[in-house]
């Protein structure tokens, strides 16, 4: 993956995910799913997600439950093939 020298490897990896920069966004299902996916893939830590998006543990767990109920990681595998 090519990226400018001014971008850290961690930031380059995070840019793969469509993560909002702050908590000040309209939280539609797609944005919630991207945050959950990034945490599950370990692109960002749970702590970082909670801090960046001002999430409670219960709120994140609900997002994750919704993500998994809709097929979550299984849906992604089908899209990547």
C-alpha atoms as a PDB file:
ATOM      1  CA  UNK A   1       0.000   0.000   0.000  1.00  0.00           C
ATOM      2  CA  UNK A   2       1.512   3.329  -1.033  1.00  0.00           C
ATOM      3  CA  UNK A   3       1.001   6.331   1.215  1.00  0.00           C
ATOM      4  CA  UNK A   4       2.803   9.628   1.861  1.00  0.00           C
ATOM      5  CA  UNK A   5       5.791   9.547   4.211  1.00  0.00           C
ATOM      6  CA  UNK A   6       3.954  11.957   6.506  1.00  0.00           C
ATOM      7  CA  UNK A   7       1.303   9.294   7.216  1.00  0.00           C
ATOM      8  CA  UNK A   8       2.071   6.685   9.855  1.00  0.00           C
ATOM      9  CA  UNK A   9       1.522   3.015   9.082  1.00  0.00           C
ATOM     10  CA  UNK A  10      -1.166   2.919  11.771  1.00  0.00           C
ATOM     11  CA  UNK A  11      -3.006   5.838  10.154  1.00  0.00           C
ATOM     12  CA  UNK A  12      -2.686   4.237   6.727  1.00  0.00           C
ATOM     13  CA  UNK A  13      -4.255   1.030   8.039  1.00  0.00           C
ATOM     14  CA  UNK A  14      -7.029   2.973   9.764  1.00  0.00           C
ATOM     15  CA  UNK A  15      -7.785   4.814   6.527  1.00  0.00           C
ATOM     16  CA  UNK A  16      -8.885   1.467   5.043  1.00  0.00           C
ATOM     17  CA  UNK A  17     -11.942   1.744   7.277  1.00  0.00           C
ATOM     18  CA  UNK A  18     -14.523   4.472   6.694  1.00  0.00           C
ATOM     19  CA  UNK A  19     -14.213   5.751  10.246  1.00  0.00           C
ATOM     20  CA  UNK A  20     -15.639   9.128  11.208  1.00  0.00           C
ATOM     21  CA  UNK A  21     -13.013  11.511  12.566  1.00  0.00           C
ATOM     22  CA  UNK A  22     -15.091  12.512  15.596  1.00  0.00           C
ATOM     23  CA  UNK A  23     -18.264  11.645  17.459  1.00  0.00           C
ATOM     24  CA  UNK A  24     -20.082  14.559  15.804  1.00  0.00           C
ATOM     25  CA  UNK A  25     -21.718  12.652  12.970  1.00  0.00           C
ATOM     26  CA  UNK A  26     -25.102  11.182  12.189  1.00  0.00           C
ATOM     27  CA  UNK A  27     -24.666   7.601  13.386  1.00  0.00           C
ATOM     28  CA  UNK A  28     -26.317   5.521  10.697  1.00  0.00           C
ATOM     29  CA  UNK A  29     -25.974   1.723  10.656  1.00  0.00           C
ATOM     30  CA  UNK A  30     -23.087   1.783   8.169  1.00  0.00           C
ATOM     31  CA  UNK A  31     -20.948   4.077  10.360  1.00  0.00           C
ATOM     32  CA  UNK A  32     -21.664   2.008  13.468  1.00  0.00           C
ATOM     33  CA  UNK A  33     -20.752  -1.163  11.569  1.00  0.00           C
ATOM     34  CA  UNK A  34     -17.451   0.342  10.397  1.00  0.00           C
ATOM     35  CA  UNK A  35     -16.476   1.211  13.970  1.00  0.00           C
ATOM     36  CA  UNK A  36     -17.370  -2.297  15.150  1.00  0.00           C
ATOM     37  CA  UNK A  37     -15.490  -3.848  12.223  1.00  0.00           C
ATOM     38  CA  UNK A  38     -12.388  -1.740  12.909  1.00  0.00           C
ATOM     39  CA  UNK A  39     -12.379  -2.771  16.574  1.00  0.00           C
ATOM     40  CA  UNK A  40     -12.978  -6.461  15.752  1.00  0.00           C
ATOM     41  CA  UNK A  41     -10.166  -6.349  13.153  1.00  0.00           C
ATOM     42  CA  UNK A  42      -7.949  -4.600  15.733  1.00  0.00           C
ATOM     43  CA  UNK A  43      -7.352  -1.573  13.513  1.00  0.00           C
ATOM     44  CA  UNK A  44      -8.302   0.545  16.509  1.00  0.00           C
ATOM     45  CA  UNK A  45      -8.611  -0.505  20.110  1.00  0.00           C
ATOM     46  CA  UNK A  46     -11.887  -0.660  21.976  1.00  0.00           C
ATOM     47  CA  UNK A  47     -10.509   2.045  24.273  1.00  0.00           C
ATOM     48  CA  UNK A  48      -9.667   4.282  21.302  1.00  0.00           C
ATOM     49  CA  UNK A  49     -13.146   3.816  19.825  1.00  0.00           C
ATOM     50  CA  UNK A  50     -14.786   4.645  23.160  1.00  0.00           C
ATOM     51  CA  UNK A  51     -12.633   7.734  23.597  1.00  0.00           C
ATOM     52  CA  UNK A  52     -12.896   8.997  20.013  1.00  0.00           C
ATOM     53  CA  UNK A  53     -16.655   8.450  19.677  1.00  0.00           C
ATOM     54  CA  UNK A  54     -17.705   8.981  23.328  1.00  0.00           C
ATOM     55  CA  UNK A  55     -19.248   5.516  23.536  1.00  0.00           C
ATOM     56  CA  UNK A  56     -20.322   3.670  26.628  1.00  0.00           C
ATOM     57  CA  UNK A  57     -19.464  -0.024  26.828  1.00  0.00           C
ATOM     58  CA  UNK A  58     -23.194  -0.862  26.620  1.00  0.00           C
ATOM     59  CA  UNK A  59     -23.633   1.289  23.505  1.00  0.00           C
ATOM     60  CA  UNK A  60     -20.708  -0.359  21.725  1.00  0.00           C
ATOM     61  CA  UNK A  61     -21.932  -3.812  22.742  1.00  0.00           C
ATOM     62  CA  UNK A  62     -25.346  -3.003  21.229  1.00  0.00           C
ATOM     63  CA  UNK A  63     -23.704  -1.862  17.984  1.00  0.00           C
ATOM     64  CA  UNK A  64     -21.690  -5.076  17.931  1.00  0.00           C
ATOM     65  CA  UNK A  65     -24.775  -7.222  18.610  1.00  0.00           C
ATOM     66  CA  UNK A  66     -26.629  -5.479  15.753  1.00  0.00           C
ATOM     67  CA  UNK A  67     -23.621  -5.971  13.462  1.00  0.00           C
ATOM     68  CA  UNK A  68     -23.451  -9.682  14.232  1.00  0.00           C
ATOM     69  CA  UNK A  69     -27.240 -10.134  13.999  1.00  0.00           C
ATOM     70  CA  UNK A  70     -27.112  -8.789  10.441  1.00  0.00           C
ATOM     71  CA  UNK A  71     -24.396 -11.241   9.410  1.00  0.00           C
ATOM     72  CA  UNK A  72     -21.438  -9.117  10.474  1.00  0.00           C
ATOM     73  CA  UNK A  73     -18.156 -10.708   9.489  1.00  0.00           C
ATOM     74  CA  UNK A  74     -19.926 -13.293   7.311  1.00  0.00           C
ATOM     75  CA  UNK A  75     -21.385 -10.523   5.142  1.00  0.00           C
ATOM     76  CA  UNK A  76     -17.906  -9.064   4.612  1.00  0.00           C
ATOM     77  CA  UNK A  77     -16.444 -12.388   3.517  1.00  0.00           C
ATOM     78  CA  UNK A  78     -19.067 -12.635   0.782  1.00  0.00           C
ATOM     79  CA  UNK A  79     -18.334  -9.090  -0.400  1.00  0.00           C
ATOM     80  CA  UNK A  80     -14.563  -9.609  -0.595  1.00  0.00           C
ATOM     81  CA  UNK A  81     -14.766 -12.722  -2.744  1.00  0.00           C
END
